[in-house]
N, C-alpha and C. Protein backbone atom coordinates (compact mmCIF):
# COMPACT_ATOMS: atom_id res chain seq x y z
N MET A 1 8.51 33.41 -49.35
CA MET A 1 8.50 31.95 -49.70
C MET A 1 9.17 31.59 -51.10
N ASP A 2 9.88 30.64 -51.44
CA ASP A 2 10.25 30.89 -52.78
C ASP A 2 9.77 29.36 -53.29
N ILE A 3 9.59 29.31 -54.66
CA ILE A 3 8.53 28.14 -55.22
C ILE A 3 9.01 26.62 -54.50
N ASN A 4 10.30 26.84 -54.55
CA ASN A 4 10.84 25.31 -53.85
C ASN A 4 10.11 25.02 -52.74
N SER A 5 9.90 26.02 -51.49
CA SER A 5 9.44 25.89 -50.35
C SER A 5 8.03 25.61 -50.45
N LEU A 6 7.34 26.38 -51.43
CA LEU A 6 5.87 26.62 -51.52
C LEU A 6 5.47 25.04 -51.84
N PHE A 7 5.85 24.46 -53.17
CA PHE A 7 5.60 23.03 -53.52
C PHE A 7 6.25 21.81 -52.68
N GLY A 8 7.42 22.24 -51.59
CA GLY A 8 7.64 21.21 -51.10
C GLY A 8 8.92 20.69 -51.57
N PHE A 9 9.45 21.20 -52.61
CA PHE A 9 10.71 20.36 -53.39
C PHE A 9 11.96 20.10 -52.40
N ASP A 10 12.19 21.38 -51.62
CA ASP A 10 13.46 21.54 -50.77
C ASP A 10 13.31 20.40 -49.71
N ARG A 11 11.99 20.07 -49.38
CA ARG A 11 11.90 19.07 -48.15
C ARG A 11 12.52 17.64 -48.98
N GLY A 12 11.96 17.17 -50.09
CA GLY A 12 12.31 15.74 -50.90
C GLY A 12 13.97 16.17 -51.17
N ALA A 13 14.59 17.28 -51.52
CA ALA A 13 15.80 17.25 -51.75
C ALA A 13 16.74 16.95 -50.62
N ASN A 14 16.45 17.87 -49.19
CA ASN A 14 16.80 17.59 -48.37
C ASN A 14 16.75 16.21 -47.63
N ARG A 15 15.88 15.51 -47.60
CA ARG A 15 15.59 14.08 -47.39
C ARG A 15 16.47 13.40 -48.37
N GLU A 16 16.67 13.53 -49.49
CA GLU A 16 17.36 12.89 -50.26
C GLU A 16 18.88 13.01 -49.88
N ALA A 17 19.23 14.16 -49.54
CA ALA A 17 20.82 14.39 -49.12
C ALA A 17 21.08 13.86 -47.60
N ALA A 18 19.76 13.69 -47.08
CA ALA A 18 20.05 13.05 -45.70
C ALA A 18 20.31 11.55 -45.93
N ASP A 19 19.52 10.81 -46.78
CA ASP A 19 19.68 9.68 -47.00
C ASP A 19 21.13 9.22 -47.55
N TYR A 20 21.86 10.11 -48.33
CA TYR A 20 22.99 10.14 -48.97
C TYR A 20 23.86 9.90 -47.61
N ALA A 21 23.83 10.80 -46.78
CA ALA A 21 24.93 11.13 -45.67
C ALA A 21 24.87 10.12 -44.63
N ARG A 22 23.54 9.40 -44.44
CA ARG A 22 23.25 8.47 -43.77
C ARG A 22 24.11 7.09 -44.18
N GLN A 23 24.43 7.08 -45.43
CA GLN A 23 24.91 5.83 -45.90
C GLN A 23 26.64 6.34 -46.11
N ASN A 24 26.79 7.36 -46.01
CA ASN A 24 28.34 7.64 -46.08
C ASN A 24 28.74 8.46 -44.61
N ASP A 25 28.70 7.74 -43.52
CA ASP A 25 29.29 8.16 -42.42
C ASP A 25 28.81 9.48 -41.67
N GLY A 26 27.69 9.81 -42.41
CA GLY A 26 27.29 11.49 -42.17
C GLY A 26 27.77 12.51 -42.69
N ARG A 27 28.54 12.28 -43.86
CA ARG A 27 29.23 13.20 -44.87
C ARG A 27 27.77 13.82 -45.69
N ILE A 28 28.09 14.96 -45.65
CA ILE A 28 26.91 15.91 -46.24
C ILE A 28 27.39 16.55 -47.46
N GLU A 29 26.81 16.16 -48.73
CA GLU A 29 27.36 16.32 -50.06
C GLU A 29 25.96 16.74 -50.73
N LEU A 30 25.76 18.23 -51.26
CA LEU A 30 24.80 18.73 -52.01
C LEU A 30 25.25 18.87 -53.52
N ASN A 31 24.62 18.00 -54.56
CA ASN A 31 25.01 18.20 -55.69
C ASN A 31 24.04 19.43 -56.26
N PRO A 32 24.39 19.91 -57.44
CA PRO A 32 23.73 21.08 -58.17
C PRO A 32 22.30 21.12 -58.03
N ILE A 33 21.63 19.76 -58.57
CA ILE A 33 20.48 19.54 -58.78
C ILE A 33 19.68 19.60 -57.05
N GLN A 34 20.14 19.33 -56.21
CA GLN A 34 19.74 19.35 -54.82
C GLN A 34 19.60 20.62 -54.36
N ARG A 35 20.61 21.64 -54.73
CA ARG A 35 20.69 22.92 -54.31
C ARG A 35 19.57 23.83 -55.21
N LEU A 36 19.53 23.28 -56.37
CA LEU A 36 18.57 24.08 -57.33
C LEU A 36 17.28 23.70 -56.74
N PHE A 37 16.84 22.67 -55.97
CA PHE A 37 15.71 22.39 -55.61
C PHE A 37 15.45 23.09 -53.98
N GLY A 38 16.28 23.47 -53.79
CA GLY A 38 16.34 24.29 -52.13
C GLY A 38 17.04 23.66 -51.22
N ALA A 39 17.61 22.41 -51.32
CA ALA A 39 18.51 21.98 -50.36
C ALA A 39 19.27 22.72 -49.71
N ASP A 40 19.69 22.44 -48.25
CA ASP A 40 20.62 23.26 -47.42
C ASP A 40 21.17 22.46 -46.48
N GLU A 41 22.61 22.60 -46.48
CA GLU A 41 23.47 21.80 -45.34
C GLU A 41 22.96 21.64 -43.99
N GLN A 42 22.41 22.85 -43.45
CA GLN A 42 22.03 22.91 -42.25
C GLN A 42 20.56 22.39 -42.02
N ASP A 43 19.66 22.43 -43.03
CA ASP A 43 18.64 21.39 -42.92
C ASP A 43 18.79 19.94 -43.12
N VAL A 44 19.79 19.58 -43.99
CA VAL A 44 20.07 18.12 -43.94
C VAL A 44 20.63 17.57 -42.70
N GLN A 45 21.52 18.63 -41.97
CA GLN A 45 21.86 18.32 -40.81
C GLN A 45 20.78 18.28 -39.48
N ASN A 46 20.06 18.86 -39.53
CA ASN A 46 18.92 19.15 -38.90
C ASN A 46 18.10 17.74 -39.12
N ILE A 47 17.67 17.11 -40.07
CA ILE A 47 17.30 15.98 -40.14
C ILE A 47 17.93 14.98 -39.61
N LEU A 48 19.23 14.67 -39.94
CA LEU A 48 19.90 13.84 -39.30
C LEU A 48 19.97 13.73 -37.80
N ASP A 49 20.02 15.15 -37.23
CA ASP A 49 20.04 15.09 -35.88
C ASP A 49 18.77 14.68 -35.28
N THR A 50 17.71 14.95 -35.94
CA THR A 50 16.24 14.55 -35.51
C THR A 50 15.97 13.16 -35.37
N GLU A 51 16.65 12.44 -36.50
CA GLU A 51 16.48 11.03 -36.64
C GLU A 51 17.38 10.27 -35.56
N GLN A 52 18.52 10.98 -35.00
CA GLN A 52 19.39 10.32 -34.41
C GLN A 52 19.13 10.61 -32.80
N ARG A 53 18.15 11.65 -32.55
CA ARG A 53 17.42 11.53 -31.19
C ARG A 53 16.41 10.94 -31.29
N LYS A 54 15.68 10.36 -32.15
CA LYS A 54 14.49 9.61 -32.29
C LYS A 54 14.84 8.36 -31.84
N ALA A 55 16.04 7.95 -32.55
CA ALA A 55 16.52 6.57 -32.35
C ALA A 55 17.16 5.91 -30.81
N LEU A 56 17.76 7.35 -30.47
CA LEU A 56 18.50 7.27 -29.25
C LEU A 56 17.41 7.06 -28.19
N ASN A 57 16.45 8.03 -28.11
CA ASN A 57 15.29 8.02 -27.19
C ASN A 57 14.68 6.40 -27.07
N GLN A 58 14.04 6.06 -28.53
CA GLN A 58 13.94 4.68 -28.82
C GLN A 58 14.67 3.77 -27.71
N GLU A 59 15.63 3.71 -27.99
CA GLU A 59 16.75 2.87 -27.41
C GLU A 59 17.00 3.00 -25.60
N LEU A 60 17.32 4.28 -25.39
CA LEU A 60 17.72 4.46 -24.12
C LEU A 60 17.07 5.44 -23.24
N GLY A 61 15.70 6.01 -23.98
CA GLY A 61 14.81 7.12 -23.20
C GLY A 61 14.51 6.67 -21.80
N GLY A 62 13.94 5.29 -21.84
CA GLY A 62 13.62 4.73 -20.77
C GLY A 62 14.71 4.63 -19.59
N ALA A 63 15.83 4.08 -20.01
CA ALA A 63 16.97 3.89 -19.09
C ALA A 63 17.09 5.48 -18.55
N ALA A 64 17.07 6.35 -19.37
CA ALA A 64 17.37 7.95 -19.10
C ALA A 64 16.52 8.47 -17.94
N ALA A 65 15.30 8.33 -18.42
CA ALA A 65 14.21 8.64 -17.34
C ALA A 65 14.56 8.05 -16.22
N LEU A 66 14.63 6.78 -15.77
CA LEU A 66 14.94 5.93 -14.63
C LEU A 66 16.40 6.59 -13.80
N ALA A 67 16.94 7.17 -14.50
CA ALA A 67 18.61 7.66 -14.03
C ALA A 67 18.22 9.25 -13.87
N GLY A 68 17.02 9.63 -14.13
CA GLY A 68 16.74 10.96 -14.01
C GLY A 68 17.33 11.99 -14.75
N ARG A 69 17.49 11.48 -16.14
CA ARG A 69 18.31 12.25 -17.33
C ARG A 69 17.13 12.40 -18.12
N SER A 70 17.44 13.98 -18.84
CA SER A 70 16.52 13.88 -20.04
C SER A 70 16.95 13.00 -21.29
N GLY A 71 16.12 13.17 -22.30
CA GLY A 71 16.20 12.42 -23.62
C GLY A 71 17.53 12.84 -24.15
N ALA A 72 17.53 12.04 -25.25
CA ALA A 72 18.68 12.55 -26.02
C ALA A 72 18.78 14.03 -26.53
N LEU A 73 20.01 14.58 -26.40
CA LEU A 73 20.19 16.05 -26.74
C LEU A 73 20.46 16.06 -28.31
N ASN A 74 20.35 17.37 -28.53
CA ASN A 74 20.91 17.91 -30.13
C ASN A 74 22.30 17.54 -30.21
N GLY A 75 22.49 16.43 -31.49
CA GLY A 75 24.05 16.36 -31.58
C GLY A 75 24.66 15.14 -30.90
N GLU A 76 23.88 14.52 -29.78
CA GLU A 76 24.58 13.68 -29.14
C GLU A 76 24.60 12.18 -29.59
N THR A 77 25.88 11.51 -29.21
CA THR A 77 25.91 10.47 -29.58
C THR A 77 25.52 9.26 -28.68
N ARG A 78 25.61 8.11 -29.14
CA ARG A 78 24.93 7.00 -28.40
C ARG A 78 25.82 7.00 -27.09
N THR A 79 27.35 6.83 -27.18
CA THR A 79 28.30 6.78 -26.35
C THR A 79 28.04 8.08 -25.05
N GLN A 80 27.72 9.22 -25.70
CA GLN A 80 27.68 10.07 -24.92
C GLN A 80 26.21 10.09 -23.86
N MET A 81 25.24 9.79 -24.74
CA MET A 81 24.09 9.37 -23.73
C MET A 81 23.95 8.33 -22.68
N GLN A 82 24.91 7.27 -23.19
CA GLN A 82 24.98 6.23 -22.16
C GLN A 82 25.69 6.96 -20.81
N GLY A 83 26.97 7.71 -21.30
CA GLY A 83 27.69 8.39 -20.12
C GLY A 83 26.61 9.17 -19.31
N ARG A 84 25.65 10.13 -20.01
CA ARG A 84 25.21 10.40 -18.92
C ARG A 84 24.01 9.88 -18.09
N ILE A 85 23.58 9.00 -18.74
CA ILE A 85 22.65 7.80 -18.11
C ILE A 85 23.54 7.13 -17.02
N ALA A 86 24.86 6.68 -17.16
CA ALA A 86 25.80 6.47 -16.10
C ALA A 86 25.84 7.32 -14.82
N ALA A 87 26.18 8.24 -15.14
CA ALA A 87 26.35 9.41 -14.38
C ALA A 87 25.22 9.61 -13.49
N GLY A 88 24.07 9.54 -13.71
CA GLY A 88 22.75 9.76 -13.31
C GLY A 88 22.47 8.62 -12.35
N GLN A 89 22.95 7.38 -12.66
CA GLN A 89 22.36 6.21 -12.21
C GLN A 89 23.66 6.35 -10.84
N ARG A 90 24.77 6.83 -11.04
CA ARG A 90 25.76 6.81 -9.98
C ARG A 90 25.27 7.98 -8.98
N GLN A 91 24.68 8.99 -9.44
CA GLN A 91 24.25 9.96 -8.56
C GLN A 91 23.02 9.52 -7.55
N MET A 92 21.88 8.67 -8.47
CA MET A 92 20.99 8.23 -7.44
C MET A 92 21.50 7.25 -6.76
N LYS A 93 22.43 6.50 -6.97
CA LYS A 93 22.96 5.51 -5.83
C LYS A 93 23.66 6.29 -4.87
N ALA A 94 24.26 7.17 -5.02
CA ALA A 94 24.99 7.89 -3.87
C ALA A 94 24.03 8.59 -2.97
N ALA A 95 22.96 9.15 -3.45
CA ALA A 95 21.82 9.63 -2.69
C ALA A 95 21.37 8.77 -1.82
N GLU A 96 20.78 7.44 -2.58
CA GLU A 96 20.33 6.50 -1.71
C GLU A 96 21.01 6.11 -0.56
N GLU A 97 22.20 6.01 -0.79
CA GLU A 97 23.35 5.32 0.04
C GLU A 97 23.18 6.57 1.40
N ALA A 98 23.23 7.91 1.05
CA ALA A 98 23.34 8.95 2.07
C ALA A 98 22.31 8.88 2.81
N LYS A 99 20.95 8.59 2.11
CA LYS A 99 20.01 8.87 2.88
C LYS A 99 19.75 7.30 3.83
N GLN A 100 20.46 6.26 3.34
CA GLN A 100 20.42 5.20 4.08
C GLN A 100 21.17 5.34 5.39
N ARG A 101 22.39 6.21 5.24
CA ARG A 101 23.11 6.48 6.36
C ARG A 101 22.67 7.12 7.12
N GLY A 102 22.19 8.33 6.68
CA GLY A 102 21.05 9.22 7.55
C GLY A 102 19.92 8.67 8.41
N TYR A 103 19.28 7.68 7.81
CA TYR A 103 18.34 6.93 8.62
C TYR A 103 19.09 6.12 9.77
N ARG A 104 20.17 5.52 9.64
CA ARG A 104 20.94 5.06 10.58
C ARG A 104 21.14 5.85 11.96
N LYS A 105 21.55 7.25 11.37
CA LYS A 105 22.22 8.29 12.20
C LYS A 105 20.97 8.81 13.14
N GLN A 106 19.84 8.78 12.55
CA GLN A 106 18.58 9.49 12.90
C GLN A 106 18.13 8.95 14.37
N ASP A 107 18.08 7.58 14.60
CA ASP A 107 17.77 7.15 15.68
C ASP A 107 18.25 7.72 16.92
N ALA A 108 19.71 8.02 16.79
CA ALA A 108 20.33 8.38 17.84
C ALA A 108 20.42 9.64 18.31
N ALA A 109 19.76 10.45 17.31
CA ALA A 109 19.41 11.83 17.66
C ALA A 109 18.25 12.56 17.44
N THR A 110 17.19 11.68 17.42
CA THR A 110 15.98 11.76 17.23
C THR A 110 15.38 12.78 18.35
N ALA A 111 15.62 12.38 19.19
CA ALA A 111 15.00 13.25 20.56
C ALA A 111 15.46 14.72 20.73
N LEU A 112 17.11 14.73 20.32
CA LEU A 112 17.32 15.85 20.70
C LEU A 112 17.01 16.97 19.47
N THR A 113 16.88 16.40 18.04
CA THR A 113 16.60 17.12 16.90
C THR A 113 15.15 17.49 17.00
N GLN A 114 14.25 16.65 17.58
CA GLN A 114 12.93 17.00 17.78
C GLN A 114 12.79 18.28 18.72
N ALA A 115 13.57 18.31 20.03
CA ALA A 115 13.58 19.28 20.90
C ALA A 115 14.30 20.64 20.27
N THR A 116 15.19 20.43 19.47
CA THR A 116 15.99 21.72 18.66
C THR A 116 14.66 22.10 17.63
N THR A 117 14.02 21.46 17.11
CA THR A 117 12.78 21.77 16.05
C THR A 117 11.91 22.63 16.89
N LEU A 118 11.17 22.12 18.11
CA LEU A 118 10.44 22.74 18.77
C LEU A 118 10.87 23.96 19.20
N LYS A 119 12.22 23.92 19.72
CA LYS A 119 12.82 25.18 20.19
C LYS A 119 12.72 26.38 18.85
N GLY A 120 13.10 26.12 18.05
CA GLY A 120 13.40 26.91 16.72
C GLY A 120 11.73 27.25 16.29
N MET A 121 10.94 26.49 16.54
CA MET A 121 9.63 27.06 16.42
C MET A 121 9.23 28.06 17.27
N ASP A 122 9.28 27.67 18.66
CA ASP A 122 9.09 28.66 19.59
C ASP A 122 9.68 30.02 19.27
N LEU A 123 11.06 29.86 18.92
CA LEU A 123 11.41 31.17 18.42
C LEU A 123 10.93 31.90 17.36
N GLN A 124 10.47 30.92 16.19
CA GLN A 124 9.90 31.78 15.09
C GLN A 124 8.35 32.15 15.19
N ALA A 125 7.73 31.52 16.22
CA ALA A 125 6.61 31.99 16.60
C ALA A 125 6.50 33.36 17.50
N GLY A 126 7.48 33.33 18.39
CA GLY A 126 7.82 34.61 18.77
C GLY A 126 8.18 35.73 17.81
N ARG A 127 8.98 35.25 17.08
CA ARG A 127 9.32 36.51 15.85
C ARG A 127 8.22 37.04 15.06
N ASP A 128 7.55 35.81 14.80
CA ASP A 128 5.99 36.00 14.15
C ASP A 128 5.12 37.22 14.79
N GLN A 129 5.00 36.60 16.01
CA GLN A 129 3.93 37.44 16.92
C GLN A 129 4.72 39.12 16.98
N PHE A 130 6.03 38.98 17.07
CA PHE A 130 6.75 40.45 17.32
C PHE A 130 6.49 41.12 15.91
N ASN A 131 6.62 40.54 14.70
CA ASN A 131 6.54 40.99 13.67
C ASN A 131 5.02 41.62 13.33
N SER A 132 4.24 40.86 13.91
CA SER A 132 2.81 40.96 13.42
C SER A 132 2.46 42.08 14.57
N GLN A 133 3.11 42.12 15.65
CA GLN A 133 2.61 43.53 16.37
C GLN A 133 3.39 44.79 15.93
N LEU A 134 4.47 44.61 15.39
CA LEU A 134 5.34 45.50 14.82
C LEU A 134 4.71 46.29 13.72
N SER A 135 4.00 45.67 12.80
CA SER A 135 3.30 45.69 11.32
C SER A 135 2.00 46.47 11.72
N SER A 136 1.43 46.16 12.80
CA SER A 136 -0.07 46.94 13.32
C SER A 136 0.50 48.16 13.63
N GLN A 137 1.77 48.15 14.56
CA GLN A 137 2.05 49.48 14.99
C GLN A 137 2.52 50.49 13.93
N ASN A 138 3.30 49.72 12.79
CA ASN A 138 3.62 50.80 11.92
C ASN A 138 2.56 51.27 10.89
N ALA A 139 1.46 50.34 10.97
CA ALA A 139 0.26 50.78 10.18
C ALA A 139 -0.54 51.90 10.87
N ARG A 140 -0.37 52.07 12.34
CA ARG A 140 -1.04 53.03 13.16
C ARG A 140 -0.20 54.49 12.89
N HIS A 141 0.92 54.00 13.00
CA HIS A 141 1.77 55.44 12.79
C HIS A 141 2.32 55.72 11.50
N ALA A 142 1.88 55.21 10.14
CA ALA A 142 2.23 55.27 9.07
C ALA A 142 2.72 56.75 8.62
N PHE A 143 2.37 57.76 9.01
CA PHE A 143 2.69 58.93 8.95
C PHE A 143 3.32 59.84 10.01
N ASP A 144 3.69 58.73 10.99
CA ASP A 144 4.38 59.25 12.18
C ASP A 144 5.80 59.86 11.67
N SER A 145 6.27 60.70 12.04
CA SER A 145 7.73 61.13 11.63
C SER A 145 8.76 60.13 12.38
N SER A 146 8.45 59.34 13.10
CA SER A 146 9.44 58.46 13.97
C SER A 146 9.53 57.10 13.36
N GLU A 147 8.67 57.07 11.87
CA GLU A 147 8.89 55.62 11.21
C GLU A 147 10.22 55.18 10.98
N THR A 148 11.11 56.06 10.67
CA THR A 148 12.32 55.58 10.42
C THR A 148 13.05 55.12 11.86
N SER A 149 12.90 55.66 12.86
CA SER A 149 13.46 55.12 14.35
C SER A 149 12.81 53.86 14.49
N LYS A 150 11.43 53.60 14.21
CA LYS A 150 11.04 52.30 14.60
C LYS A 150 11.29 51.36 13.69
N ARG A 151 11.54 51.37 12.57
CA ARG A 151 12.16 50.53 11.84
C ARG A 151 13.56 49.77 11.94
N TYR A 152 14.45 50.91 12.44
CA TYR A 152 16.04 50.51 13.23
C TYR A 152 15.50 49.80 14.45
N ALA A 153 14.71 50.03 15.45
CA ALA A 153 14.27 49.37 16.49
C ALA A 153 13.91 47.91 15.93
N PHE A 154 12.92 47.86 15.10
CA PHE A 154 12.52 46.66 14.64
C PHE A 154 13.66 45.84 13.99
N GLU A 155 14.67 46.41 13.34
CA GLU A 155 16.05 45.56 12.98
C GLU A 155 16.47 45.05 14.05
N ARG A 156 16.87 46.21 14.99
CA ARG A 156 17.57 45.67 16.37
C ARG A 156 17.08 44.32 16.82
N LYS A 157 15.74 44.63 17.13
CA LYS A 157 14.96 43.39 17.81
C LYS A 157 15.30 42.39 17.08
N GLU A 158 15.16 42.35 16.00
CA GLU A 158 15.32 41.08 15.01
C GLU A 158 16.71 40.46 14.90
N ASN A 159 17.77 41.20 15.18
CA ASN A 159 18.95 41.04 14.99
C ASN A 159 19.23 40.39 16.31
N GLN A 160 18.64 40.73 17.64
CA GLN A 160 18.57 40.09 18.77
C GLN A 160 18.06 38.84 18.85
N LEU A 161 16.92 38.41 18.10
CA LEU A 161 16.11 37.47 18.13
C LEU A 161 17.21 36.23 17.20
N MET A 162 17.58 36.74 16.08
CA MET A 162 18.27 35.83 15.33
C MET A 162 19.41 35.44 16.33
N ARG A 163 20.34 36.15 16.67
CA ARG A 163 21.44 36.02 17.50
C ARG A 163 21.36 35.06 18.70
N GLN A 164 20.08 35.35 19.59
CA GLN A 164 19.55 34.44 20.62
C GLN A 164 19.47 32.96 20.00
N GLN A 165 18.42 32.91 18.53
CA GLN A 165 18.20 31.55 18.06
C GLN A 165 19.67 30.75 17.91
N GLU A 166 20.37 31.57 17.17
CA GLU A 166 21.85 31.25 16.84
C GLU A 166 22.54 30.49 17.94
N ARG A 167 22.36 30.93 19.08
CA ARG A 167 23.08 30.51 20.46
C ARG A 167 22.58 29.56 20.87
N GLU A 168 21.05 29.26 21.09
CA GLU A 168 20.79 28.13 21.48
C GLU A 168 20.67 26.92 20.54
N LEU A 169 20.58 27.07 19.20
CA LEU A 169 21.07 26.19 18.30
C LEU A 169 22.23 25.55 18.52
N SER A 170 23.15 26.53 18.59
CA SER A 170 24.58 26.14 18.76
C SER A 170 24.60 25.28 20.11
N ASP A 171 23.86 25.60 21.07
CA ASP A 171 24.09 24.94 22.40
C ASP A 171 23.32 23.34 22.29
N SER A 172 22.53 23.64 21.58
CA SER A 172 21.63 22.16 21.02
C SER A 172 22.53 21.44 20.25
N ARG A 173 23.46 21.86 19.37
CA ARG A 173 24.59 20.90 18.65
C ARG A 173 25.43 20.45 19.58
N SER A 174 25.92 21.19 20.50
CA SER A 174 26.74 20.86 21.59
C SER A 174 26.45 19.64 22.43
N ASP A 175 25.28 20.08 22.95
CA ASP A 175 24.65 18.96 23.60
C ASP A 175 24.70 17.77 23.00
N LEU A 176 24.03 17.51 21.93
CA LEU A 176 23.97 16.47 20.78
C LEU A 176 25.32 15.87 20.80
N GLN A 177 26.53 16.41 20.51
CA GLN A 177 27.88 16.10 20.23
C GLN A 177 28.52 15.28 21.39
N MET A 178 27.90 16.08 22.75
CA MET A 178 28.33 15.50 23.95
C MET A 178 27.84 14.09 24.35
N GLN A 179 26.41 14.15 24.17
CA GLN A 179 25.75 12.83 24.20
C GLN A 179 26.42 11.91 23.37
N MET A 180 26.60 12.06 22.03
CA MET A 180 27.17 11.19 21.24
C MET A 180 28.34 10.58 21.80
N ALA A 181 29.31 11.78 22.31
CA ALA A 181 30.50 11.15 22.72
C ALA A 181 30.42 10.23 23.94
N LEU A 182 29.57 10.70 24.68
CA LEU A 182 29.26 9.62 26.11
C LEU A 182 28.69 8.38 25.53
N MET A 183 27.88 8.17 24.46
CA MET A 183 27.35 6.82 24.04
C MET A 183 28.62 6.05 23.19
N ASN A 184 29.60 6.88 22.61
CA ASN A 184 30.65 5.96 22.17
C ASN A 184 31.73 5.51 23.28
N GLU A 185 31.81 6.33 24.30
CA GLU A 185 32.75 5.95 25.31
C GLU A 185 32.06 5.01 26.04
N GLY A 186 30.58 4.93 26.25
CA GLY A 186 29.97 3.54 26.74
C GLY A 186 29.94 2.48 26.11
N LEU A 187 29.96 2.63 24.83
CA LEU A 187 30.15 1.54 23.92
C LEU A 187 31.66 1.01 23.92
N GLN A 188 32.67 1.55 24.00
CA GLN A 188 34.06 1.23 24.12
C GLN A 188 34.16 0.62 25.45
N GLU A 189 33.39 0.89 26.54
CA GLU A 189 33.76 0.32 27.83
C GLU A 189 33.20 -1.14 27.85
N LYS A 190 31.87 -1.22 27.42
CA LYS A 190 31.40 -2.67 27.19
C LYS A 190 32.12 -3.26 26.09
N GLN A 191 32.89 -3.06 25.26
CA GLN A 191 33.25 -3.70 24.42
C GLN A 191 34.79 -4.43 25.04
N MET A 192 35.41 -3.71 26.04
CA MET A 192 36.49 -3.57 26.66
C MET A 192 36.28 -4.75 27.87
N GLU A 193 35.06 -4.73 28.18
CA GLU A 193 34.72 -5.66 29.79
C GLU A 193 34.13 -6.99 28.70
N TYR A 194 33.80 -7.12 27.45
CA TYR A 194 33.06 -8.35 26.81
C TYR A 194 34.67 -9.01 26.47
N ASP A 195 35.56 -8.10 25.95
CA ASP A 195 36.80 -8.89 25.78
C ASP A 195 37.40 -9.28 27.00
N ARG A 196 37.72 -8.83 28.10
CA ARG A 196 38.43 -9.27 29.09
C ARG A 196 37.59 -10.54 29.62
N GLU A 197 36.14 -10.47 29.70
CA GLU A 197 35.46 -11.71 30.09
C GLU A 197 35.70 -12.93 28.92
N THR A 198 35.75 -12.49 27.98
CA THR A 198 36.46 -13.77 26.59
C THR A 198 37.61 -14.15 26.91
N ARG A 199 38.61 -13.36 27.21
CA ARG A 199 40.03 -13.67 27.46
C ARG A 199 39.89 -14.61 29.13
N SER A 200 39.08 -14.37 29.84
CA SER A 200 38.85 -14.85 31.21
C SER A 200 38.30 -16.40 30.93
N MET A 201 37.35 -16.63 30.04
CA MET A 201 36.64 -17.56 29.78
C MET A 201 37.39 -18.71 28.88
N ASP A 202 38.13 -18.04 27.97
CA ASP A 202 39.15 -18.85 27.43
C ASP A 202 40.39 -19.92 28.39
N LYS A 203 40.65 -18.77 29.31
CA LYS A 203 41.75 -19.39 30.27
C LYS A 203 41.23 -20.33 31.14
N ARG A 204 39.94 -20.05 31.55
CA ARG A 204 39.20 -21.33 32.40
C ARG A 204 38.79 -22.46 31.88
N ASP A 205 38.68 -22.21 30.53
CA ASP A 205 38.37 -23.30 29.44
C ASP A 205 39.64 -24.20 29.50
N ARG A 206 40.57 -23.70 29.30
CA ARG A 206 41.94 -24.17 29.01
C ARG A 206 42.31 -25.22 30.20
N MET A 207 42.09 -24.33 31.74
CA MET A 207 42.50 -24.95 32.68
C MET A 207 41.57 -26.33 32.85
N ILE A 208 40.49 -26.33 32.76
CA ILE A 208 39.27 -27.31 32.94
C ILE A 208 39.87 -28.69 31.87
N ALA A 209 40.14 -28.14 30.60
CA ALA A 209 40.65 -29.06 29.66
C ALA A 209 42.02 -29.87 30.25
N GLN A 210 42.98 -29.11 30.93
CA GLN A 210 44.25 -29.62 31.45
C GLN A 210 43.72 -30.46 32.68
N LEU A 211 42.78 -30.19 33.29
CA LEU A 211 42.45 -30.94 34.65
C LEU A 211 41.80 -32.26 34.16
N LEU A 212 41.00 -32.22 33.07
CA LEU A 212 40.22 -33.47 32.39
C LEU A 212 41.33 -34.50 31.96
N SER A 213 42.23 -33.64 31.28
CA SER A 213 43.27 -34.67 30.77
C SER A 213 44.16 -35.37 31.83
N GLY A 214 44.49 -34.43 32.98
CA GLY A 214 45.20 -35.30 34.00
C GLY A 214 44.39 -36.40 34.69
N LEU A 215 43.00 -36.11 34.85
CA LEU A 215 42.26 -37.26 35.39
C LEU A 215 42.04 -38.34 34.68
N GLY A 216 42.23 -38.14 33.38
CA GLY A 216 42.02 -39.14 32.30
C GLY A 216 43.52 -40.12 32.68
N SER A 217 44.49 -39.25 32.78
CA SER A 217 45.71 -40.09 32.57
C SER A 217 45.90 -40.89 34.17
N LEU A 218 45.41 -40.13 35.19
CA LEU A 218 45.63 -40.86 36.55
C LEU A 218 44.61 -42.06 36.58
N GLY A 219 43.02 -41.81 35.92
CA GLY A 219 42.25 -43.10 35.70
C GLY A 219 43.14 -44.28 35.16
N GLY A 220 43.73 -43.94 33.82
CA GLY A 220 44.19 -45.10 33.11
C GLY A 220 45.40 -45.66 34.09
N ALA A 221 46.27 -45.04 34.91
CA ALA A 221 47.13 -45.45 35.89
C ALA A 221 46.79 -46.69 36.78
N PHE A 222 45.18 -46.14 37.22
CA PHE A 222 44.75 -47.12 38.46
C PHE A 222 44.23 -48.28 37.84
N SER A 223 43.91 -48.23 36.47
CA SER A 223 43.39 -49.53 35.95
C SER A 223 44.53 -50.46 35.53
N LEU A 224 45.56 -50.07 35.53
CA LEU A 224 46.95 -50.83 35.17
C LEU A 224 47.39 -51.66 36.50
């Protein structure tokens, strides 16, 4: 440690240089006396960066936290931080919209999803039971020369269970898609039926209007 650091002369010189840079568009210029007292360009820049981060966090830190973004980064400008905040807000809005769309779709698929989940749980329980039984068997035969063949048997069984689960999950997804297709078809038929009834009602209303008009004309003739 030199004498400037010991007595804090360098801190005062760096602070003085930082004040000058702040007043001159961030331009750092050290005079010989400041260098003599231990001032350094990097130390001055660190002071400016720290002050910039503090100011940005005071102004935009709350908005950054609400947008799921960290505080000001080292060397970051106000515009850059605002850009990060805006990106975070867009991301959160997109996530919320996606979640709402998921809620709307969930009602139609809840029953099938629950059935698929329960089926997966049954398969997992069977797999866990098989793993437990095989682990116990492996512990009893730890020194058995057939350990390798047992491990291969376990892997084959595991692969069979996984393939079975994948097939069943695939069948469940196919059933869901078929049910959704049938629901859409039913809705389309109802819409077509509604359109036909609407056209029929419009035609009947026009005929009634014409009849009433004719009766009015006929009544006028009799009055004469």
